[in-house]
Amino acid sequence: MAASRLAGAGSCIYIPSMTTTTAVAESCACLRVRKAARNVTRRYDAALRPAGLRITQFTVMTALAEYGEVSITDLAESLGMERTTLTRNVRPLEQKGWLKISPEGYRRVRTLTLTASGRRKLEAALPLWEQAQQQMERQLGRQGLRAFNEMLERAT
């Protein structure tokens, strides 16, 4: 792939050719995954809107329902999130009373727990999530969705 070179003030600046930028636009896995993630997120967010949740909040609550009490660090790791991002995302859930953040304990560990109110909210949101999931299955097909999920799992 060719690149043109501009010289100026003792340094060279390489500017990618159209062939290179076209190749990136057509084959960049990161670009495709991020574009797909934004589109899929919008669909799930729209489906969950009647429950007052976003998909990021729903997945946190689902994980808490599955794991029970868990440290912020462990939950962030299991969800593939930065700890600070998770902390920022759980604050609104705590303010609404859907989860509880424990005070710092041994070794400054803070844990998260889904509250009874949070469990009820999650139960109300599950049918909405199922609708979004069925929409994805209709679009990709059952085997296509399974293959899509398997590919994403291999990439993480």
N, C-alpha and C. Protein backbone atom coordinates (compact mmCIF):
# COMPACT_ATOMS: atom_id res chain seq x y z
N MET A 1 0.85 -1.16 0.00
CA MET A 1 0.00 0.00 0.00
C MET A 1 0.90 1.23 0.00
N ALA A 2 0.62 2.09 -0.90
CA ALA A 2 1.48 3.26 -1.08
C ALA A 2 1.08 4.38 -0.14
N ALA A 3 2.07 5.25 0.12
CA ALA A 3 1.83 6.44 0.92
C ALA A 3 2.65 7.56 0.31
N SER A 4 2.13 8.74 0.34
CA SER A 4 2.91 9.88 -0.15
C SER A 4 3.66 10.48 1.03
N ARG A 5 4.77 11.18 0.71
CA ARG A 5 5.62 11.72 1.76
C ARG A 5 5.76 13.22 1.55
N LEU A 6 5.49 13.96 2.61
CA LEU A 6 5.69 15.40 2.58
C LEU A 6 6.85 15.73 3.49
N ALA A 7 7.79 16.51 2.99
CA ALA A 7 8.93 16.89 3.82
C ALA A 7 8.76 18.34 4.23
N GLY A 8 9.14 18.61 5.45
CA GLY A 8 9.06 19.97 5.94
C GLY A 8 9.78 20.11 7.25
N ALA A 9 10.55 21.14 7.39
CA ALA A 9 11.25 21.46 8.64
C ALA A 9 12.02 20.27 9.18
N GLY A 10 12.69 19.52 8.30
CA GLY A 10 13.55 18.44 8.73
C GLY A 10 12.83 17.17 9.14
N SER A 11 11.55 17.06 8.91
CA SER A 11 10.85 15.83 9.24
C SER A 11 9.99 15.39 8.07
N CYS A 12 9.64 14.16 8.08
CA CYS A 12 8.77 13.62 7.03
C CYS A 12 7.42 13.29 7.63
N ILE A 13 6.40 13.57 6.90
CA ILE A 13 5.04 13.24 7.30
C ILE A 13 4.49 12.29 6.24
N TYR A 14 4.05 11.15 6.67
CA TYR A 14 3.48 10.19 5.74
C TYR A 14 1.97 10.33 5.74
N ILE A 15 1.42 10.44 4.57
CA ILE A 15 -0.02 10.55 4.40
C ILE A 15 -0.48 9.31 3.66
N PRO A 16 -1.38 8.53 4.24
CA PRO A 16 -1.82 7.30 3.59
C PRO A 16 -2.49 7.60 2.25
N SER A 17 -2.27 6.74 1.30
CA SER A 17 -2.91 6.89 0.00
C SER A 17 -4.37 6.48 0.10
N MET A 18 -5.12 6.75 -0.93
CA MET A 18 -6.53 6.39 -0.96
C MET A 18 -6.69 4.87 -0.87
N THR A 19 -5.76 4.13 -1.46
CA THR A 19 -5.83 2.68 -1.38
C THR A 19 -5.78 2.23 0.08
N THR A 20 -4.89 2.82 0.86
CA THR A 20 -4.76 2.46 2.26
C THR A 20 -6.02 2.81 3.05
N THR A 21 -6.52 4.01 2.88
CA THR A 21 -7.72 4.41 3.63
C THR A 21 -8.94 3.61 3.18
N THR A 22 -9.00 3.27 1.93
CA THR A 22 -10.10 2.45 1.44
C THR A 22 -10.02 1.06 2.05
N ALA A 23 -8.81 0.53 2.11
CA ALA A 23 -8.62 -0.79 2.71
C ALA A 23 -9.03 -0.78 4.17
N VAL A 24 -8.68 0.28 4.89
CA VAL A 24 -9.08 0.39 6.30
C VAL A 24 -10.60 0.43 6.40
N ALA A 25 -11.22 1.27 5.60
CA ALA A 25 -12.68 1.42 5.65
C ALA A 25 -13.38 0.10 5.32
N GLU A 26 -12.79 -0.69 4.45
CA GLU A 26 -13.43 -1.93 4.01
C GLU A 26 -13.10 -3.13 4.90
N SER A 27 -11.99 -3.09 5.64
CA SER A 27 -11.57 -4.31 6.33
C SER A 27 -11.26 -4.16 7.82
N CYS A 28 -11.35 -2.98 8.37
CA CYS A 28 -10.97 -2.78 9.77
C CYS A 28 -11.98 -3.44 10.72
N ALA A 29 -11.51 -4.46 11.44
CA ALA A 29 -12.38 -5.18 12.37
C ALA A 29 -12.88 -4.26 13.48
N CYS A 30 -12.01 -3.39 13.98
CA CYS A 30 -12.40 -2.49 15.06
C CYS A 30 -13.53 -1.56 14.62
N LEU A 31 -13.39 -0.99 13.43
CA LEU A 31 -14.42 -0.11 12.89
C LEU A 31 -15.76 -0.84 12.81
N ARG A 32 -15.73 -2.05 12.28
CA ARG A 32 -16.97 -2.82 12.11
C ARG A 32 -17.59 -3.20 13.47
N VAL A 33 -16.76 -3.63 14.41
CA VAL A 33 -17.28 -4.02 15.72
C VAL A 33 -17.87 -2.82 16.44
N ARG A 34 -17.19 -1.68 16.39
CA ARG A 34 -17.70 -0.48 17.07
C ARG A 34 -19.00 0.01 16.43
N LYS A 35 -19.06 -0.03 15.10
CA LYS A 35 -20.28 0.38 14.41
C LYS A 35 -21.44 -0.56 14.78
N ALA A 36 -21.17 -1.86 14.76
CA ALA A 36 -22.20 -2.83 15.14
C ALA A 36 -22.62 -2.62 16.59
N ALA A 37 -21.63 -2.38 17.47
CA ALA A 37 -21.94 -2.19 18.89
C ALA A 37 -22.85 -0.99 19.10
N ARG A 38 -22.57 0.10 18.39
CA ARG A 38 -23.43 1.29 18.54
C ARG A 38 -24.85 1.00 18.06
N ASN A 39 -24.98 0.31 16.93
CA ASN A 39 -26.31 0.00 16.40
C ASN A 39 -27.07 -0.97 17.31
N VAL A 40 -26.40 -2.00 17.77
CA VAL A 40 -27.05 -2.97 18.65
C VAL A 40 -27.42 -2.31 19.97
N THR A 41 -26.53 -1.49 20.51
CA THR A 41 -26.82 -0.78 21.76
C THR A 41 -28.06 0.09 21.61
N ARG A 42 -28.17 0.81 20.49
CA ARG A 42 -29.36 1.66 20.27
C ARG A 42 -30.64 0.82 20.28
N ARG A 43 -30.60 -0.36 19.66
CA ARG A 43 -31.79 -1.22 19.62
C ARG A 43 -32.19 -1.69 21.01
N TYR A 44 -31.21 -2.18 21.78
CA TYR A 44 -31.53 -2.66 23.13
C TYR A 44 -31.94 -1.51 24.03
N ASP A 45 -31.28 -0.36 23.91
CA ASP A 45 -31.67 0.80 24.71
C ASP A 45 -33.12 1.19 24.41
N ALA A 46 -33.49 1.19 23.14
CA ALA A 46 -34.87 1.54 22.76
C ALA A 46 -35.85 0.53 23.34
N ALA A 47 -35.50 -0.74 23.30
CA ALA A 47 -36.39 -1.78 23.83
C ALA A 47 -36.56 -1.65 25.33
N LEU A 48 -35.50 -1.29 26.03
CA LEU A 48 -35.53 -1.20 27.50
C LEU A 48 -36.03 0.14 28.02
N ARG A 49 -36.19 1.11 27.14
CA ARG A 49 -36.61 2.45 27.56
C ARG A 49 -37.89 2.44 28.40
N PRO A 50 -38.93 1.65 28.04
CA PRO A 50 -40.15 1.66 28.88
C PRO A 50 -39.89 1.24 30.33
N ALA A 51 -38.82 0.47 30.57
CA ALA A 51 -38.48 0.07 31.94
C ALA A 51 -37.58 1.10 32.62
N GLY A 52 -37.18 2.13 31.89
CA GLY A 52 -36.31 3.15 32.47
C GLY A 52 -34.87 2.71 32.60
N LEU A 53 -34.45 1.76 31.76
CA LEU A 53 -33.08 1.25 31.80
C LEU A 53 -32.40 1.38 30.45
N ARG A 54 -31.07 1.42 30.51
CA ARG A 54 -30.25 1.28 29.31
C ARG A 54 -29.62 -0.11 29.36
N ILE A 55 -29.14 -0.60 28.22
CA ILE A 55 -28.58 -1.94 28.18
C ILE A 55 -27.37 -2.07 29.11
N THR A 56 -26.59 -1.03 29.25
CA THR A 56 -25.44 -1.08 30.16
C THR A 56 -25.91 -1.31 31.60
N GLN A 57 -26.98 -0.66 31.99
CA GLN A 57 -27.52 -0.83 33.34
C GLN A 57 -28.15 -2.22 33.49
N PHE A 58 -28.85 -2.64 32.48
CA PHE A 58 -29.49 -3.96 32.48
C PHE A 58 -28.46 -5.07 32.66
N THR A 59 -27.33 -4.98 31.95
CA THR A 59 -26.32 -6.03 32.05
C THR A 59 -25.67 -6.03 33.44
N VAL A 60 -25.47 -4.87 34.02
CA VAL A 60 -24.93 -4.81 35.38
C VAL A 60 -25.91 -5.48 36.34
N MET A 61 -27.18 -5.16 36.22
CA MET A 61 -28.18 -5.72 37.12
C MET A 61 -28.32 -7.23 36.91
N THR A 62 -28.23 -7.67 35.67
CA THR A 62 -28.30 -9.11 35.37
C THR A 62 -27.13 -9.84 36.00
N ALA A 63 -25.94 -9.26 35.88
CA ALA A 63 -24.75 -9.88 36.47
C ALA A 63 -24.89 -9.95 37.99
N LEU A 64 -25.40 -8.90 38.61
CA LEU A 64 -25.59 -8.91 40.06
C LEU A 64 -26.63 -9.96 40.48
N ALA A 65 -27.67 -10.11 39.69
CA ALA A 65 -28.67 -11.13 40.00
C ALA A 65 -28.05 -12.52 39.91
N GLU A 66 -27.12 -12.69 38.98
CA GLU A 66 -26.45 -13.98 38.79
C GLU A 66 -25.41 -14.25 39.87
N TYR A 67 -24.57 -13.26 40.16
CA TYR A 67 -23.44 -13.45 41.07
C TYR A 67 -23.76 -13.21 42.54
N GLY A 68 -24.79 -12.44 42.82
CA GLY A 68 -25.04 -12.03 44.19
C GLY A 68 -24.11 -10.89 44.54
N GLU A 69 -23.64 -10.85 45.77
CA GLU A 69 -22.73 -9.78 46.17
C GLU A 69 -21.37 -9.99 45.49
N VAL A 70 -20.86 -8.93 44.87
CA VAL A 70 -19.60 -9.03 44.13
C VAL A 70 -18.85 -7.72 44.24
N SER A 71 -17.53 -7.80 44.23
CA SER A 71 -16.74 -6.57 44.30
C SER A 71 -16.84 -5.81 42.99
N ILE A 72 -16.68 -4.50 43.07
CA ILE A 72 -16.71 -3.67 41.87
C ILE A 72 -15.62 -4.12 40.91
N THR A 73 -14.45 -4.41 41.42
CA THR A 73 -13.34 -4.85 40.57
C THR A 73 -13.67 -6.14 39.84
N ASP A 74 -14.20 -7.13 40.56
CA ASP A 74 -14.53 -8.41 39.93
C ASP A 74 -15.65 -8.27 38.91
N LEU A 75 -16.64 -7.46 39.22
CA LEU A 75 -17.74 -7.26 38.27
C LEU A 75 -17.25 -6.55 37.02
N ALA A 76 -16.43 -5.53 37.19
CA ALA A 76 -15.88 -4.81 36.04
C ALA A 76 -15.10 -5.77 35.15
N GLU A 77 -14.30 -6.62 35.76
CA GLU A 77 -13.52 -7.58 34.99
C GLU A 77 -14.42 -8.55 34.23
N SER A 78 -15.45 -9.05 34.90
CA SER A 78 -16.34 -10.03 34.25
C SER A 78 -17.14 -9.41 33.10
N LEU A 79 -17.40 -8.10 33.19
CA LEU A 79 -18.14 -7.42 32.13
C LEU A 79 -17.23 -6.79 31.08
N GLY A 80 -15.92 -6.89 31.28
CA GLY A 80 -14.97 -6.31 30.32
C GLY A 80 -14.99 -4.79 30.34
N MET A 81 -15.19 -4.22 31.53
CA MET A 81 -15.27 -2.77 31.68
C MET A 81 -14.13 -2.27 32.55
N GLU A 82 -13.81 -1.00 32.39
CA GLU A 82 -12.89 -0.36 33.32
C GLU A 82 -13.64 -0.17 34.65
N ARG A 83 -12.92 -0.29 35.73
CA ARG A 83 -13.52 -0.14 37.06
C ARG A 83 -14.17 1.23 37.22
N THR A 84 -13.51 2.28 36.74
CA THR A 84 -14.05 3.63 36.87
C THR A 84 -15.33 3.80 36.05
N THR A 85 -15.38 3.16 34.89
CA THR A 85 -16.58 3.22 34.05
C THR A 85 -17.74 2.53 34.76
N LEU A 86 -17.47 1.36 35.33
CA LEU A 86 -18.52 0.65 36.06
C LEU A 86 -19.01 1.49 37.23
N THR A 87 -18.09 2.05 37.99
CA THR A 87 -18.47 2.88 39.14
C THR A 87 -19.38 4.02 38.70
N ARG A 88 -19.04 4.67 37.61
CA ARG A 88 -19.85 5.77 37.09
C ARG A 88 -21.23 5.26 36.65
N ASN A 89 -21.29 4.05 36.08
CA ASN A 89 -22.56 3.51 35.61
C ASN A 89 -23.47 3.02 36.73
N VAL A 90 -22.90 2.63 37.87
CA VAL A 90 -23.76 2.11 38.94
C VAL A 90 -24.33 3.21 39.83
N ARG A 91 -23.75 4.38 39.81
CA ARG A 91 -24.25 5.47 40.68
C ARG A 91 -25.74 5.73 40.47
N PRO A 92 -26.22 5.89 39.21
CA PRO A 92 -27.67 6.13 39.04
C PRO A 92 -28.52 4.96 39.55
N LEU A 93 -28.02 3.74 39.42
CA LEU A 93 -28.76 2.58 39.91
C LEU A 93 -28.84 2.59 41.44
N GLU A 94 -27.76 3.01 42.07
CA GLU A 94 -27.76 3.14 43.53
C GLU A 94 -28.73 4.25 43.95
N GLN A 95 -28.70 5.37 43.25
CA GLN A 95 -29.57 6.49 43.61
C GLN A 95 -31.05 6.12 43.49
N LYS A 96 -31.37 5.23 42.55
CA LYS A 96 -32.75 4.79 42.38
C LYS A 96 -33.11 3.65 43.32
N GLY A 97 -32.13 3.19 44.10
CA GLY A 97 -32.39 2.13 45.06
C GLY A 97 -32.39 0.74 44.47
N TRP A 98 -31.85 0.56 43.27
CA TRP A 98 -31.86 -0.74 42.61
C TRP A 98 -30.65 -1.59 42.96
N LEU A 99 -29.62 -0.97 43.46
CA LEU A 99 -28.48 -1.73 43.97
C LEU A 99 -27.87 -1.00 45.13
N LYS A 100 -27.10 -1.75 45.89
CA LYS A 100 -26.45 -1.18 47.08
C LYS A 100 -24.95 -1.30 46.90
N ILE A 101 -24.24 -0.20 47.18
CA ILE A 101 -22.79 -0.21 47.18
C ILE A 101 -22.35 -0.22 48.64
N SER A 102 -21.61 -1.26 49.02
CA SER A 102 -21.18 -1.36 50.41
C SER A 102 -20.09 -0.35 50.70
N PRO A 103 -19.97 0.04 51.97
CA PRO A 103 -18.82 0.88 52.34
C PRO A 103 -17.54 0.06 52.16
N GLU A 104 -16.43 0.77 52.07
CA GLU A 104 -15.15 0.07 51.91
C GLU A 104 -14.93 -0.89 53.05
N GLY A 105 -14.54 -2.09 52.70
CA GLY A 105 -14.26 -3.10 53.71
C GLY A 105 -12.79 -3.44 53.72
N TYR A 106 -12.52 -4.68 53.96
CA TYR A 106 -11.14 -5.18 54.02
C TYR A 106 -10.42 -4.86 52.73
N ARG A 107 -9.25 -4.29 52.83
CA ARG A 107 -8.42 -3.89 51.68
C ARG A 107 -9.15 -2.92 50.74
N ARG A 108 -10.01 -2.12 51.32
CA ARG A 108 -10.74 -1.07 50.59
C ARG A 108 -11.65 -1.61 49.49
N VAL A 109 -12.05 -2.87 49.62
CA VAL A 109 -12.94 -3.48 48.63
C VAL A 109 -14.36 -3.00 48.87
N ARG A 110 -15.01 -2.57 47.77
CA ARG A 110 -16.42 -2.19 47.82
C ARG A 110 -17.19 -3.22 47.01
N THR A 111 -18.33 -3.63 47.54
CA THR A 111 -19.13 -4.63 46.85
C THR A 111 -20.47 -4.06 46.41
N LEU A 112 -21.05 -4.72 45.43
CA LEU A 112 -22.36 -4.34 44.90
C LEU A 112 -23.33 -5.48 45.16
N THR A 113 -24.57 -5.11 45.46
CA THR A 113 -25.64 -6.07 45.68
C THR A 113 -26.91 -5.53 45.05
N LEU A 114 -27.63 -6.38 44.36
CA LEU A 114 -28.92 -5.99 43.80
C LEU A 114 -29.95 -5.98 44.93
N THR A 115 -30.73 -4.91 45.02
CA THR A 115 -31.75 -4.81 46.06
C THR A 115 -33.04 -5.49 45.59
N ALA A 116 -34.00 -5.64 46.49
CA ALA A 116 -35.30 -6.22 46.13
C ALA A 116 -35.97 -5.37 45.05
N SER A 117 -35.86 -4.06 45.20
CA SER A 117 -36.42 -3.15 44.19
C SER A 117 -35.71 -3.36 42.84
N GLY A 118 -34.42 -3.58 42.89
CA GLY A 118 -33.65 -3.84 41.68
C GLY A 118 -34.06 -5.14 41.01
N ARG A 119 -34.33 -6.15 41.82
CA ARG A 119 -34.80 -7.44 41.26
C ARG A 119 -36.14 -7.28 40.57
N ARG A 120 -37.03 -6.50 41.18
CA ARG A 120 -38.34 -6.26 40.55
C ARG A 120 -38.17 -5.49 39.24
N LYS A 121 -37.28 -4.50 39.23
CA LYS A 121 -37.02 -3.73 38.01
C LYS A 121 -36.47 -4.65 36.93
N LEU A 122 -35.54 -5.50 37.30
CA LEU A 122 -34.94 -6.43 36.35
C LEU A 122 -35.98 -7.40 35.79
N GLU A 123 -36.83 -7.92 36.66
CA GLU A 123 -37.90 -8.83 36.21
C GLU A 123 -38.84 -8.14 35.24
N ALA A 124 -39.14 -6.87 35.47
CA ALA A 124 -40.01 -6.11 34.57
C ALA A 124 -39.32 -5.85 33.23
N ALA A 125 -38.00 -5.73 33.24
CA ALA A 125 -37.25 -5.43 32.02
C ALA A 125 -36.95 -6.66 31.18
N LEU A 126 -36.94 -7.84 31.78
CA LEU A 126 -36.58 -9.05 31.05
C LEU A 126 -37.41 -9.29 29.79
N PRO A 127 -38.75 -9.13 29.82
CA PRO A 127 -39.51 -9.33 28.59
C PRO A 127 -39.13 -8.31 27.49
N LEU A 128 -38.75 -7.11 27.89
CA LEU A 128 -38.33 -6.10 26.92
C LEU A 128 -36.99 -6.50 26.28
N TRP A 129 -36.09 -7.02 27.10
CA TRP A 129 -34.82 -7.53 26.58
C TRP A 129 -35.06 -8.69 25.62
N GLU A 130 -35.99 -9.58 26.00
CA GLU A 130 -36.30 -10.72 25.13
C GLU A 130 -36.80 -10.27 23.77
N GLN A 131 -37.58 -9.20 23.73
CA GLN A 131 -38.04 -8.67 22.44
C GLN A 131 -36.87 -8.19 21.59
N ALA A 132 -35.94 -7.48 22.21
CA ALA A 132 -34.76 -7.01 21.48
C ALA A 132 -33.93 -8.19 21.00
N GLN A 133 -33.80 -9.20 21.84
CA GLN A 133 -33.03 -10.39 21.47
C GLN A 133 -33.70 -11.11 20.30
N GLN A 134 -35.01 -11.21 20.33
CA GLN A 134 -35.74 -11.85 19.22
C GLN A 134 -35.59 -11.05 17.92
N GLN A 135 -35.54 -9.72 18.04
CA GLN A 135 -35.32 -8.89 16.86
C GLN A 135 -33.94 -9.19 16.25
N MET A 136 -32.93 -9.33 17.09
CA MET A 136 -31.60 -9.68 16.60
C MET A 136 -31.62 -11.05 15.94
N GLU A 137 -32.34 -11.98 16.53
CA GLU A 137 -32.42 -13.32 15.96
C GLU A 137 -33.14 -13.31 14.62
N ARG A 138 -34.18 -12.50 14.50
CA ARG A 138 -34.87 -12.38 13.21
C ARG A 138 -33.94 -11.81 12.15
N GLN A 139 -33.13 -10.84 12.53
CA GLN A 139 -32.23 -10.20 11.58
C GLN A 139 -31.09 -11.13 11.16
N LEU A 140 -30.50 -11.84 12.13
CA LEU A 140 -29.33 -12.66 11.84
C LEU A 140 -29.64 -14.14 11.63
N GLY A 141 -30.82 -14.56 12.05
CA GLY A 141 -31.15 -15.98 12.06
C GLY A 141 -30.60 -16.61 13.34
N ARG A 142 -31.22 -17.71 13.75
CA ARG A 142 -30.80 -18.35 15.00
C ARG A 142 -29.33 -18.78 14.94
N GLN A 143 -28.95 -19.46 13.86
CA GLN A 143 -27.55 -19.89 13.72
C GLN A 143 -26.62 -18.70 13.56
N GLY A 144 -27.07 -17.69 12.84
CA GLY A 144 -26.25 -16.49 12.64
C GLY A 144 -25.98 -15.77 13.96
N LEU A 145 -26.99 -15.67 14.80
CA LEU A 145 -26.82 -15.02 16.10
C LEU A 145 -25.87 -15.84 16.98
N ARG A 146 -26.04 -17.16 16.94
CA ARG A 146 -25.14 -18.01 17.72
C ARG A 146 -23.70 -17.84 17.23
N ALA A 147 -23.49 -17.85 15.92
CA ALA A 147 -22.15 -17.68 15.35
C ALA A 147 -21.59 -16.29 15.68
N PHE A 148 -22.43 -15.28 15.62
CA PHE A 148 -22.04 -13.91 15.95
C PHE A 148 -21.54 -13.84 17.39
N ASN A 149 -22.31 -14.42 18.31
CA ASN A 149 -21.92 -14.42 19.72
C ASN A 149 -20.62 -15.20 19.94
N GLU A 150 -20.47 -16.33 19.25
CA GLU A 150 -19.25 -17.12 19.39
C GLU A 150 -18.02 -16.35 18.87
N MET A 151 -18.19 -15.66 17.74
CA MET A 151 -17.08 -14.86 17.21
C MET A 151 -16.69 -13.75 18.18
N LEU A 152 -17.68 -13.07 18.72
CA LEU A 152 -17.39 -12.00 19.67
C LEU A 152 -16.71 -12.55 20.92
N GLU A 153 -17.12 -13.71 21.37
CA GLU A 153 -16.50 -14.32 22.55
C GLU A 153 -15.04 -14.64 22.27
N ARG A 154 -14.74 -15.14 21.07
CA ARG A 154 -13.35 -15.44 20.72
C ARG A 154 -12.52 -14.18 20.64
N ALA A 155 -13.14 -13.06 20.31
CA ALA A 155 -12.40 -11.80 20.16
C ALA A 155 -12.14 -11.12 21.51
N THR A 156 -12.78 -11.60 22.58
CA THR A 156 -12.58 -10.97 23.89
C THR A 156 -11.68 -11.77 24.79
